[in-house]
Amino acid sequence: MTTINSVLGPLDTSRMGTTLIHEHILSSSTGIPQNYPEVLDRGYMSIIVRKLKEAKAGGIDTIVDATTLDLGRDVNVLTEASRRSGVNIICCTGWWTEKPRFLSGVSIDKLAKGFIREIREGIAGTNIKAGILKAASDKAGVLPEEEKVLRAVARAHHETGIPIMIHSYSPGQVGRRQIAILKEEGVPLNRVKMDHSNDTTDIEYLFWMLEQGCYLGMDRYPGEGVSPLARTKTLKALIDAGYKDRLGTSHDWSLARYVASDSIIGSTEKRKKTNLYDYLYIKKVVFPMLREMGVSEKVIGSILVDAPRKFFEGA
């Protein structure tokens, strides 16, 4: 087995158990809690802990939190949430799609050094260490600042050995360019997980990414644009093709948010109607669909337990 970084310290991969490979415990904006605490909903921590305890009671052991600094990462919140709920949390370093001015001027290697420090020493003056790297591009393709981040993430991977998660826009096959850049940087693609892959039903594109060696994050449940049933049929097709050990499921779901308008995330009532079960939606809705499609309990267990573990182990 392999030892990885969790927010509470070293975690043996044998103890990861049932793992959701792309979630957001708390979403926000950079520096909000530290600089504008007046805007916060003071009840957010109790909401987070309650929902994580529900997830733990429902069989979830580990959550990979995909919240970067520009999405409001707060490692102190993650640490308290993990300690109080009993759920292992793995936090990330890297960058999402925000474009602060510093990105245009910083070199790739200097940016990589910052990511490496957050993995080896700790984040924001703490001893809380990142356990996964993240880079992102979306509908517009790989923009110059995003390519810089992606290359910095690749170089940080070479220094630290920790895996990479990639926010991608699968309907536009943006992963083709992202994977090409990672290849240029010499990253072994079995250390890369292409996320939001179930935003498309283009099975040939998904096969192509798997053939490159990548893992796929089938991580937007219930999601938008593609129905949960269509997403699950695509998942079943990938399982049938023999890729169960390189598929991870998750929700890309925020338990709480500091600041977000209804125009961005929808009203509270709409969110409740979309996902009644928070981090248990996959277990309560998706896996019953897979069972009806003839997928065995062994395979279902592999998707939630074995595939995430193998990804972190570099298998």
C-alpha atoms as a PDB file:
ATOM      1  CA  MET A   1       0.000   0.000   0.000  1.00  0.00           C
ATOM      2  CA  THR A   2       0.934   3.695  -0.284  1.00  0.00           C
ATOM      3  CA  THR A   3       0.848   6.542   2.216  1.00  0.00           C
ATOM      4  CA  ILE A   4      -0.858   9.716   0.986  1.00  0.00           C
ATOM      5  CA  ASN A   5      -1.621  13.129   2.482  1.00  0.00           C
ATOM      6  CA  SER A   6      -4.991  13.711   4.133  1.00  0.00           C
ATOM      7  CA  VAL A   7      -5.911  16.894   5.995  1.00  0.00           C
ATOM      8  CA  LEU A   8      -5.410  15.036   9.285  1.00  0.00           C
ATOM      9  CA  GLY A   9      -2.014  13.664   8.300  1.00  0.00           C
ATOM     10  CA  PRO A  10      -0.630  10.585   6.533  1.00  0.00           C
ATOM     11  CA  LEU A  11      -3.251   8.092   5.354  1.00  0.00           C
ATOM     12  CA  ASP A  12      -2.507   4.576   4.149  1.00  0.00           C
ATOM     13  CA  THR A  13      -4.392   3.849   0.942  1.00  0.00           C
ATOM     14  CA  SER A  14      -5.658   0.621   2.506  1.00  0.00           C
ATOM     15  CA  ARG A  15      -7.747   2.850   4.802  1.00  0.00           C
ATOM     16  CA  MET A  16      -9.352   4.928   2.043  1.00  0.00           C
ATOM     17  CA  GLY A  17     -12.335   2.597   1.804  1.00  0.00           C
ATOM     18  CA  THR A  18     -15.352   3.863  -0.114  1.00  0.00           C
ATOM     19  CA  THR A  19     -14.165   7.035  -1.831  1.00  0.00           C
ATOM     20  CA  LEU A  20     -15.839   9.899  -3.682  1.00  0.00           C
ATOM     21  CA  ILE A  21     -13.171  11.216  -6.008  1.00  0.00           C
ATOM     22  CA  HIS A  22     -14.392  14.770  -6.782  1.00  0.00           C
ATOM     23  CA  GLU A  23     -16.415  16.831  -4.323  1.00  0.00           C
ATOM     24  CA  HIS A  24     -16.408  20.285  -2.740  1.00  0.00           C
ATOM     25  CA  ILE A  25     -16.947  20.420   1.007  1.00  0.00           C
ATOM     26  CA  LEU A  26     -17.173  24.203   0.831  1.00  0.00           C
ATOM     27  CA  SER A  27     -17.067  26.544  -2.165  1.00  0.00           C
ATOM     28  CA  SER A  28     -16.281  30.228  -1.944  1.00  0.00           C
ATOM     29  CA  SER A  29     -13.890  32.812  -3.362  1.00  0.00           C
ATOM     30  CA  THR A  30     -10.259  33.456  -2.533  1.00  0.00           C
ATOM     31  CA  GLY A  31      -9.768  35.086   0.875  1.00  0.00           C
ATOM     32  CA  ILE A  32     -13.433  35.621   1.752  1.00  0.00           C
ATOM     33  CA  PRO A  33     -13.412  33.990   5.218  1.00  0.00           C
ATOM     34  CA  GLN A  34     -10.193  35.715   6.213  1.00  0.00           C
ATOM     35  CA  ASN A  35     -11.049  39.202   4.948  1.00  0.00           C
ATOM     36  CA  TYR A  36     -14.840  39.554   4.793  1.00  0.00           C
ATOM     37  CA  PRO A  37     -16.251  37.311   7.525  1.00  0.00           C
ATOM     38  CA  GLU A  38     -19.354  39.522   7.671  1.00  0.00           C
ATOM     39  CA  VAL A  39     -20.725  37.915   4.514  1.00  0.00           C
ATOM     40  CA  LEU A  40     -20.526  34.356   5.811  1.00  0.00           C
ATOM     41  CA  ASP A  41     -23.423  32.175   6.788  1.00  0.00           C
ATOM     42  CA  ARG A  42     -22.454  31.369  10.357  1.00  0.00           C
ATOM     43  CA  GLY A  43     -24.190  28.012  10.191  1.00  0.00           C
ATOM     44  CA  TYR A  44     -22.022  26.559   7.443  1.00  0.00           C
ATOM     45  CA  MET A  45     -19.837  24.381   9.653  1.00  0.00           C
ATOM     46  CA  SER A  46     -22.739  22.680  11.379  1.00  0.00           C
ATOM     47  CA  ILE A  47     -24.282  21.985   7.955  1.00  0.00           C
ATOM     48  CA  ILE A  48     -21.031  20.499   6.668  1.00  0.00           C
ATOM     49  CA  VAL A  49     -20.464  18.292   9.699  1.00  0.00           C
ATOM     50  CA  ARG A  50     -24.055  17.068   9.740  1.00  0.00           C
ATOM     51  CA  LYS A  51     -23.994  16.136   6.059  1.00  0.00           C
ATOM     52  CA  LEU A  52     -20.592  14.470   6.325  1.00  0.00           C
ATOM     53  CA  LYS A  53     -21.793  12.417   9.279  1.00  0.00           C
ATOM     54  CA  GLU A  54     -24.773  11.346   7.157  1.00  0.00           C
ATOM     55  CA  ALA A  55     -22.364  10.340   4.384  1.00  0.00           C
ATOM     56  CA  LYS A  56     -20.214   8.420   6.859  1.00  0.00           C
ATOM     57  CA  ALA A  57     -23.259   6.607   8.240  1.00  0.00           C
ATOM     58  CA  GLY A  58     -24.184   5.767   4.636  1.00  0.00           C
ATOM     59  CA  GLY A  59     -20.830   4.113   4.003  1.00  0.00           C
ATOM     60  CA  ILE A  60     -18.621   6.917   2.655  1.00  0.00           C
ATOM     61  CA  ASP A  61     -15.101   6.796   4.121  1.00  0.00           C
ATOM     62  CA  THR A  62     -13.037   9.254   2.084  1.00  0.00           C
ATOM     63  CA  ILE A  63     -13.683  12.383   0.046  1.00  0.00           C
ATOM     64  CA  VAL A  64     -11.296  13.982  -2.418  1.00  0.00           C
ATOM     65  CA  ASP A  65     -11.961  17.711  -2.141  1.00  0.00           C
ATOM     66  CA  ALA A  66     -11.345  19.472  -5.461  1.00  0.00           C
ATOM     67  CA  THR A  67     -11.493  23.001  -4.058  1.00  0.00           C
ATOM     68  CA  THR A  68      -8.460  25.039  -5.106  1.00  0.00           C
ATOM     69  CA  LEU A  69      -7.482  28.419  -3.664  1.00  0.00           C
ATOM     70  CA  ASP A  70      -9.456  30.283  -6.330  1.00  0.00           C
ATOM     71  CA  LEU A  71     -12.537  28.239  -5.383  1.00  0.00           C
ATOM     72  CA  GLY A  72     -12.143  29.315  -1.763  1.00  0.00           C
ATOM     73  CA  ARG A  73     -10.118  26.442  -0.323  1.00  0.00           C
ATOM     74  CA  ASP A  74      -9.987  26.694   3.479  1.00  0.00           C
ATOM     75  CA  VAL A  75      -7.897  23.891   4.928  1.00  0.00           C
ATOM     76  CA  ASN A  76      -8.863  24.751   8.496  1.00  0.00           C
ATOM     77  CA  VAL A  77     -12.509  24.130   7.635  1.00  0.00           C
ATOM     78  CA  LEU A  78     -11.588  20.846   5.943  1.00  0.00           C
ATOM     79  CA  THR A  79      -9.547  19.727   8.939  1.00  0.00           C
ATOM     80  CA  GLU A  80     -12.298  20.495  11.437  1.00  0.00           C
ATOM     81  CA  ALA A  81     -14.875  18.833   9.187  1.00  0.00           C
ATOM     82  CA  SER A  82     -12.783  15.677   8.903  1.00  0.00           C
ATOM     83  CA  ARG A  83     -12.047  15.511  12.618  1.00  0.00           C
ATOM     84  CA  ARG A  84     -15.675  16.002  13.663  1.00  0.00           C
ATOM     85  CA  SER A  85     -17.245  13.723  11.030  1.00  0.00           C
ATOM     86  CA  GLY A  86     -14.757  10.858  10.852  1.00  0.00           C
ATOM     87  CA  VAL A  87     -14.550  11.149   7.052  1.00  0.00           C
ATOM     88  CA  ASN A  88     -11.056  11.209   5.531  1.00  0.00           C
ATOM     89  CA  ILE A  89     -10.579  14.318   3.383  1.00  0.00           C
ATOM     90  CA  ILE A  90      -7.842  14.723   0.773  1.00  0.00           C
ATOM     91  CA  CYS A  91      -7.365  18.338  -0.294  1.00  0.00           C
ATOM     92  CA  CYS A  92      -5.793  19.662  -3.472  1.00  0.00           C
ATOM     93  CA  THR A  93      -3.274  22.174  -4.691  1.00  0.00           C
ATOM     94  CA  GLY A  94      -3.247  23.732  -8.130  1.00  0.00           C
ATOM     95  CA  TRP A  95      -5.655  26.147  -9.759  1.00  0.00           C
ATOM     96  CA  TRP A  96      -9.143  26.239 -11.271  1.00  0.00           C
ATOM     97  CA  THR A  97     -10.186  28.681 -14.026  1.00  0.00           C
ATOM     98  CA  GLU A  98      -9.982  32.079 -12.278  1.00  0.00           C
ATOM     99  CA  LYS A  99      -7.440  34.428 -13.917  1.00  0.00           C
ATOM    100  CA  PRO A 100      -5.798  36.664 -11.272  1.00  0.00           C
ATOM    101  CA  ARG A 101      -3.156  39.071 -12.575  1.00  0.00           C
ATOM    102  CA  PHE A 102      -0.240  37.193 -11.048  1.00  0.00           C
ATOM    103  CA  LEU A 103      -0.788  34.228 -13.381  1.00  0.00           C
ATOM    104  CA  SER A 104       0.236  36.225 -16.437  1.00  0.00           C
ATOM    105  CA  GLY A 105       3.602  37.138 -14.917  1.00  0.00           C
ATOM    106  CA  VAL A 106       4.684  34.150 -12.855  1.00  0.00           C
ATOM    107  CA  SER A 107       6.922  31.527 -14.432  1.00  0.00           C
ATOM    108  CA  ILE A 108       5.864  27.897 -14.733  1.00  0.00           C
ATOM    109  CA  ASP A 109       8.649  26.747 -12.434  1.00  0.00           C
ATOM    110  CA  LYS A 110       7.886  29.316  -9.723  1.00  0.00           C
ATOM    111  CA  LEU A 111       4.241  28.306  -9.801  1.00  0.00           C
ATOM    112  CA  ALA A 112       5.247  24.664  -9.537  1.00  0.00           C
ATOM    113  CA  LYS A 113       7.383  25.475  -6.477  1.00  0.00           C
ATOM    114  CA  GLY A 114       4.304  26.853  -4.732  1.00  0.00           C
ATOM    115  CA  PHE A 115       2.360  23.679  -5.440  1.00  0.00           C
ATOM    116  CA  ILE A 116       5.293  21.550  -4.266  1.00  0.00           C
ATOM    117  CA  ARG A 117       5.511  23.469  -0.984  1.00  0.00           C
ATOM    118  CA  GLU A 118       1.804  22.861  -0.322  1.00  0.00           C
ATOM    119  CA  ILE A 119       2.402  19.133  -0.814  1.00  0.00           C
ATOM    120  CA  ARG A 120       5.638  18.768   1.152  1.00  0.00           C
ATOM    121  CA  GLU A 121       5.423  21.432   3.860  1.00  0.00           C
ATOM    122  CA  GLY A 122       1.832  22.560   4.229  1.00  0.00           C
ATOM    123  CA  ILE A 123      -0.741  25.089   3.076  1.00  0.00           C
ATOM    124  CA  ALA A 124      -1.005  28.725   4.229  1.00  0.00           C
ATOM    125  CA  GLY A 125       1.380  28.382   7.148  1.00  0.00           C
ATOM    126  CA  THR A 126      -0.181  25.157   8.447  1.00  0.00           C
ATOM    127  CA  ASN A 127       1.126  21.599   8.411  1.00  0.00           C
ATOM    128  CA  ILE A 128      -1.928  20.511   6.392  1.00  0.00           C
ATOM    129  CA  LYS A 129      -0.615  19.036   3.147  1.00  0.00           C
ATOM    130  CA  ALA A 130      -2.245  18.617  -0.252  1.00  0.00           C
ATOM    131  CA  GLY A 131      -2.702  15.074  -1.512  1.00  0.00           C
ATOM    132  CA  ILE A 132      -3.582  15.735  -5.151  1.00  0.00           C
ATOM    133  CA  LEU A 133      -2.802  18.294  -7.875  1.00  0.00           C
ATOM    134  CA  LYS A 134      -5.417  20.042 -10.003  1.00  0.00           C
ATOM    135  CA  ALA A 135      -5.499  21.965 -13.273  1.00  0.00           C
ATOM    136  CA  ALA A 136      -8.496  23.158 -15.266  1.00  0.00           C
ATOM    137  CA  SER A 137      -9.778  24.260 -18.643  1.00  0.00           C
ATOM    138  CA  ASP A 138     -13.345  24.592 -19.864  1.00  0.00           C
ATOM    139  CA  LYS A 139     -15.411  25.505 -22.932  1.00  0.00           C
ATOM    140  CA  ALA A 140     -12.877  27.957 -24.356  1.00  0.00           C
ATOM    141  CA  GLY A 141     -10.193  25.282 -24.522  1.00  0.00           C
ATOM    142  CA  VAL A 142      -6.766  25.522 -22.909  1.00  0.00           C
ATOM    143  CA  LEU A 143      -6.131  29.248 -22.456  1.00  0.00           C
ATOM    144  CA  PRO A 144      -2.553  30.546 -21.980  1.00  0.00           C
ATOM    145  CA  GLU A 145      -2.805  30.951 -18.197  1.00  0.00           C
ATOM    146  CA  GLU A 146      -4.379  27.508 -17.933  1.00  0.00           C
ATOM    147  CA  GLU A 147      -1.587  25.943 -19.963  1.00  0.00           C
ATOM    148  CA  LYS A 148       0.893  27.538 -17.566  1.00  0.00           C
ATOM    149  CA  VAL A 149      -0.935  26.011 -14.597  1.00  0.00           C
ATOM    150  CA  LEU A 150      -1.147  22.631 -16.317  1.00  0.00           C
ATOM    151  CA  ARG A 151       2.577  22.566 -17.011  1.00  0.00           C
ATOM    152  CA  ALA A 152       3.316  23.685 -13.441  1.00  0.00           C
ATOM    153  CA  VAL A 153       1.094  20.896 -12.131  1.00  0.00           C
ATOM    154  CA  ALA A 154       2.954  18.408 -14.325  1.00  0.00           C
ATOM    155  CA  ARG A 155       6.308  19.562 -12.966  1.00  0.00           C
ATOM    156  CA  ALA A 156       5.048  19.458  -9.390  1.00  0.00           C
ATOM    157  CA  HIS A 157       3.929  15.894 -10.051  1.00  0.00           C
ATOM    158  CA  HIS A 158       7.428  14.942 -11.169  1.00  0.00           C
ATOM    159  CA  GLU A 159       8.873  16.372  -7.941  1.00  0.00           C
ATOM    160  CA  THR A 160       6.332  14.864  -5.549  1.00  0.00           C
ATOM    161  CA  GLY A 161       4.784  11.845  -7.267  1.00  0.00           C
ATOM    162  CA  ILE A 162       1.236  12.733  -6.260  1.00  0.00           C
ATOM    163  CA  PRO A 163      -1.574  12.269  -8.802  1.00  0.00           C
ATOM    164  CA  ILE A 164      -3.320  14.872 -10.934  1.00  0.00           C
ATOM    165  CA  MET A 165      -7.003  15.652 -11.385  1.00  0.00           C
ATOM    166  CA  ILE A 166      -8.011  17.611 -14.491  1.00  0.00           C
ATOM    167  CA  HIS A 167     -11.146  19.728 -14.768  1.00  0.00           C
ATOM    168  CA  SER A 168     -12.094  19.339 -18.414  1.00  0.00           C
ATOM    169  CA  TYR A 169     -14.952  20.101 -20.792  1.00  0.00           C
ATOM    170  CA  SER A 170     -15.755  16.709 -22.237  1.00  0.00           C
ATOM    171  CA  PRO A 171     -18.513  17.821 -24.680  1.00  0.00           C
ATOM    172  CA  GLY A 172     -15.819  19.821 -26.497  1.00  0.00           C
ATOM    173  CA  GLN A 173     -13.128  17.129 -26.114  1.00  0.00           C
ATOM    174  CA  VAL A 174     -10.834  19.659 -24.441  1.00  0.00           C
ATOM    175  CA  GLY A 175      -9.054  16.710 -22.855  1.00  0.00           C
ATOM    176  CA  ARG A 176      -7.264  15.988 -26.127  1.00  0.00           C
ATOM    177  CA  ARG A 177      -5.203  19.166 -25.785  1.00  0.00           C
ATOM    178  CA  GLN A 178      -4.765  18.774 -22.016  1.00  0.00           C
ATOM    179  CA  ILE A 179      -3.467  15.237 -22.454  1.00  0.00           C
ATOM    180  CA  ALA A 180      -1.121  16.360 -25.243  1.00  0.00           C
ATOM    181  CA  ILE A 181       0.426  18.953 -22.909  1.00  0.00           C
ATOM    182  CA  LEU A 182       0.816  16.405 -20.130  1.00  0.00           C
ATOM    183  CA  LYS A 183       2.544  14.083 -22.597  1.00  0.00           C
ATOM    184  CA  GLU A 184       4.901  16.904 -23.590  1.00  0.00           C
ATOM    185  CA  GLU A 185       5.746  17.288 -19.903  1.00  0.00           C
ATOM    186  CA  GLY A 186       6.412  13.560 -19.589  1.00  0.00           C
ATOM    187  CA  VAL A 187       3.619  12.770 -17.126  1.00  0.00           C
ATOM    188  CA  PRO A 188       2.658   9.070 -16.970  1.00  0.00           C
ATOM    189  CA  LEU A 189      -1.032   9.146 -17.766  1.00  0.00           C
ATOM    190  CA  ASN A 190      -1.962   6.491 -15.221  1.00  0.00           C
ATOM    191  CA  ARG A 191      -1.368   9.299 -12.683  1.00  0.00           C
ATOM    192  CA  VAL A 192      -4.004  11.498 -14.363  1.00  0.00           C
ATOM    193  CA  LYS A 193      -7.761  11.550 -13.825  1.00  0.00           C
ATOM    194  CA  MET A 194      -9.849  13.362 -16.431  1.00  0.00           C
ATOM    195  CA  ASP A 195     -12.803  14.771 -14.541  1.00  0.00           C
ATOM    196  CA  HIS A 196     -16.362  15.589 -15.605  1.00  0.00           C
ATOM    197  CA  SER A 197     -16.096  12.847 -18.208  1.00  0.00           C
ATOM    198  CA  ASN A 198     -19.759  11.932 -17.818  1.00  0.00           C
ATOM    199  CA  ASP A 199     -20.829  15.310 -19.182  1.00  0.00           C
ATOM    200  CA  THR A 200     -20.648  13.562 -22.559  1.00  0.00           C
ATOM    201  CA  THR A 201     -22.091  10.349 -23.935  1.00  0.00           C
ATOM    202  CA  ASP A 202     -19.487  10.223 -26.726  1.00  0.00           C
ATOM    203  CA  ILE A 203     -18.171   6.787 -25.876  1.00  0.00           C
ATOM    204  CA  GLU A 204     -15.423   6.872 -28.517  1.00  0.00           C
ATOM    205  CA  TYR A 205     -13.888   9.972 -26.936  1.00  0.00           C
ATOM    206  CA  LEU A 206     -14.028   8.345 -23.501  1.00  0.00           C
ATOM    207  CA  PHE A 207     -12.434   5.180 -24.879  1.00  0.00           C
ATOM    208  CA  TRP A 208      -9.681   7.317 -26.398  1.00  0.00           C
ATOM    209  CA  MET A 209      -8.801   8.871 -23.013  1.00  0.00           C
ATOM    210  CA  LEU A 210      -8.800   5.463 -21.353  1.00  0.00           C
ATOM    211  CA  GLU A 211      -6.569   4.087 -24.098  1.00  0.00           C
ATOM    212  CA  GLN A 212      -4.074   6.860 -23.325  1.00  0.00           C
ATOM    213  CA  GLY A 213      -3.875   5.411 -19.818  1.00  0.00           C
ATOM    214  CA  CYS A 214      -5.958   7.975 -17.935  1.00  0.00           C
ATOM    215  CA  TYR A 215      -8.508   7.365 -15.232  1.00  0.00           C
ATOM    216  CA  LEU A 216     -11.937   8.913 -15.807  1.00  0.00           C
ATOM    217  CA  GLY A 217     -13.911  10.875 -13.260  1.00  0.00           C
ATOM    218  CA  MET A 218     -17.570  10.032 -13.871  1.00  0.00           C
ATOM    219  CA  ASP A 219     -18.163  12.640 -11.264  1.00  0.00           C
ATOM    220  CA  ARG A 220     -21.149  14.819 -12.062  1.00  0.00           C
ATOM    221  CA  TYR A 221     -24.165  13.143 -10.548  1.00  0.00           C
ATOM    222  CA  PRO A 222     -26.922  14.124 -10.942  1.00  0.00           C
ATOM    223  CA  GLY A 223     -25.377  16.829 -13.146  1.00  0.00           C
ATOM    224  CA  GLU A 224     -26.983  18.997 -15.816  1.00  0.00           C
ATOM    225  CA  GLY A 225     -27.387  18.706 -19.571  1.00  0.00           C
ATOM    226  CA  VAL A 226     -27.072  14.910 -19.588  1.00  0.00           C
ATOM    227  CA  SER A 227     -29.625  12.941 -17.585  1.00  0.00           C
ATOM    228  CA  PRO A 228     -28.541  10.683 -14.704  1.00  0.00           C
ATOM    229  CA  LEU A 229     -29.844   7.699 -16.677  1.00  0.00           C
ATOM    230  CA  ALA A 230     -27.818   8.600 -19.774  1.00  0.00           C
ATOM    231  CA  ARG A 231     -24.746   9.132 -17.597  1.00  0.00           C
ATOM    232  CA  THR A 232     -25.251   5.715 -16.050  1.00  0.00           C
ATOM    233  CA  LYS A 233     -25.720   4.001 -19.415  1.00  0.00           C
ATOM    234  CA  THR A 234     -22.385   5.479 -20.472  1.00  0.00           C
ATOM    235  CA  LEU A 235     -20.805   4.245 -17.240  1.00  0.00           C
ATOM    236  CA  LYS A 236     -22.216   0.774 -17.905  1.00  0.00           C
ATOM    237  CA  ALA A 237     -20.747   0.765 -21.431  1.00  0.00           C
ATOM    238  CA  LEU A 238     -17.304   1.577 -20.037  1.00  0.00           C
ATOM    239  CA  ILE A 239     -17.640  -1.152 -17.420  1.00  0.00           C
ATOM    240  CA  ASP A 240     -18.644  -3.651 -20.106  1.00  0.00           C
ATOM    241  CA  ALA A 241     -15.552  -2.670 -22.091  1.00  0.00           C
ATOM    242  CA  GLY A 242     -13.361  -3.765 -19.173  1.00  0.00           C
ATOM    243  CA  TYR A 243     -12.469  -0.416 -17.616  1.00  0.00           C
ATOM    244  CA  LYS A 244     -14.058  -0.783 -14.160  1.00  0.00           C
ATOM    245  CA  ASP A 245     -10.695  -0.292 -12.417  1.00  0.00           C
ATOM    246  CA  ARG A 246     -10.177   3.127 -14.005  1.00  0.00           C
ATOM    247  CA  LEU A 247     -13.561   4.705 -13.370  1.00  0.00           C
ATOM    248  CA  GLY A 248     -14.366   6.793 -10.324  1.00  0.00           C
ATOM    249  CA  THR A 249     -17.811   8.116  -9.440  1.00  0.00           C
ATOM    250  CA  SER A 250     -18.662  11.280  -7.559  1.00  0.00           C
ATOM    251  CA  HIS A 251     -21.070  14.229  -7.483  1.00  0.00           C
ATOM    252  CA  ASP A 252     -18.997  17.451  -7.876  1.00  0.00           C
ATOM    253  CA  TRP A 253     -21.293  18.711  -5.131  1.00  0.00           C
ATOM    254  CA  SER A 254     -20.780  21.502  -2.594  1.00  0.00           C
ATOM    255  CA  LEU A 255     -22.184  20.867   0.867  1.00  0.00           C
ATOM    256  CA  ALA A 256     -22.042  24.572   1.709  1.00  0.00           C
ATOM    257  CA  ARG A 257     -21.045  27.846   0.089  1.00  0.00           C
ATOM    258  CA  TYR A 258     -19.846  31.122   1.536  1.00  0.00           C
ATOM    259  CA  VAL A 259     -20.945  33.443  -1.256  1.00  0.00           C
ATOM    260  CA  ALA A 260     -22.876  32.499  -4.381  1.00  0.00           C
ATOM    261  CA  SER A 261     -25.903  33.972  -6.080  1.00  0.00           C
ATOM    262  CA  ASP A 262     -29.001  32.082  -7.154  1.00  0.00           C
ATOM    263  CA  SER A 263     -28.069  32.871 -10.748  1.00  0.00           C
ATOM    264  CA  ILE A 264     -24.938  30.747 -10.325  1.00  0.00           C
ATOM    265  CA  ILE A 265     -26.047  27.784  -8.252  1.00  0.00           C
ATOM    266  CA  GLY A 266     -29.841  27.942  -8.366  1.00  0.00           C
ATOM    267  CA  SER A 267     -32.103  28.433  -5.395  1.00  0.00           C
ATOM    268  CA  THR A 268     -31.872  26.252  -2.323  1.00  0.00           C
ATOM    269  CA  GLU A 269     -35.148  24.590  -3.274  1.00  0.00           C
ATOM    270  CA  LYS A 270     -33.913  23.823  -6.787  1.00  0.00           C
ATOM    271  CA  ARG A 271     -30.728  22.275  -5.390  1.00  0.00           C
ATOM    272  CA  LYS A 272     -32.754  20.124  -3.018  1.00  0.00           C
ATOM    273  CA  LYS A 273     -34.928  18.886  -5.872  1.00  0.00           C
ATOM    274  CA  THR A 274     -31.863  18.118  -7.999  1.00  0.00           C
ATOM    275  CA  ASN A 275     -30.034  16.101  -5.359  1.00  0.00           C
ATOM    276  CA  LEU A 276     -32.010  14.897  -2.364  1.00  0.00           C
ATOM    277  CA  TYR A 277     -29.156  12.810  -0.977  1.00  0.00           C
ATOM    278  CA  ASP A 278     -26.009  14.984  -1.124  1.00  0.00           C
ATOM    279  CA  TYR A 279     -23.006  12.591  -1.059  1.00  0.00           C
ATOM    280  CA  LEU A 280     -25.216   9.498  -0.994  1.00  0.00           C
ATOM    281  CA  TYR A 281     -26.943  10.146  -4.347  1.00  0.00           C
ATOM    282  CA  ILE A 282     -24.714   7.669  -6.187  1.00  0.00           C
ATOM    283  CA  LYS A 283     -25.299   4.920  -3.648  1.00  0.00           C
ATOM    284  CA  LYS A 284     -29.055   5.531  -3.482  1.00  0.00           C
ATOM    285  CA  VAL A 285     -29.843   6.335  -7.127  1.00  0.00           C
ATOM    286  CA  VAL A 286     -27.005   5.421  -9.494  1.00  0.00           C
ATOM    287  CA  PHE A 287     -25.989   2.045  -8.118  1.00  0.00           C
ATOM    288  CA  PRO A 288     -29.569   0.736  -8.124  1.00  0.00           C
ATOM    289  CA  MET A 289     -29.681   1.676 -11.822  1.00  0.00           C
ATOM    290  CA  LEU A 290     -26.435  -0.220 -12.417  1.00  0.00           C
ATOM    291  CA  ARG A 291     -27.832  -3.255 -10.607  1.00  0.00           C
ATOM    292  CA  GLU A 292     -30.912  -3.166 -12.833  1.00  0.00           C
ATOM    293  CA  MET A 293     -28.555  -3.097 -15.826  1.00  0.00           C
ATOM    294  CA  GLY A 294     -26.894  -6.275 -14.568  1.00  0.00           C
ATOM    295  CA  VAL A 295     -23.743  -4.899 -12.937  1.00  0.00           C
ATOM    296  CA  SER A 296     -22.550  -7.081 -10.051  1.00  0.00           C
ATOM    297  CA  GLU A 297     -21.923  -5.959  -6.476  1.00  0.00           C
ATOM    298  CA  LYS A 298     -18.252  -6.821  -6.934  1.00  0.00           C
ATOM    299  CA  VAL A 299     -17.917  -4.411  -9.841  1.00  0.00           C
ATOM    300  CA  ILE A 300     -19.858  -1.687  -8.047  1.00  0.00           C
ATOM    301  CA  GLY A 301     -17.533  -2.077  -5.086  1.00  0.00           C
ATOM    302  CA  SER A 302     -14.531  -1.827  -7.365  1.00  0.00           C
ATOM    303  CA  ILE A 303     -15.672   1.547  -8.684  1.00  0.00           C
ATOM    304  CA  LEU A 304     -16.022   3.096  -5.230  1.00  0.00           C
ATOM    305  CA  VAL A 305     -13.134   1.346  -3.474  1.00  0.00           C
ATOM    306  CA  ASP A 306     -10.550  -0.230  -5.770  1.00  0.00           C
ATOM    307  CA  ALA A 307     -10.371   2.354  -8.566  1.00  0.00           C
ATOM    308  CA  PRO A 308      -9.728   5.374  -6.283  1.00  0.00           C
ATOM    309  CA  ARG A 309      -7.163   3.425  -4.282  1.00  0.00           C
ATOM    310  CA  LYS A 310      -5.320   2.274  -7.418  1.00  0.00           C
ATOM    311  CA  PHE A 311      -5.341   5.825  -8.775  1.00  0.00           C
ATOM    312  CA  PHE A 312      -3.594   7.144  -5.677  1.00  0.00           C
ATOM    313  CA  GLU A 313      -1.198   4.205  -5.633  1.00  0.00           C
ATOM    314  CA  GLY A 314      -0.214   4.746  -9.264  1.00  0.00           C
ATOM    315  CA  ALA A 315      -1.383   1.313 -10.357  1.00  0.00           C
END
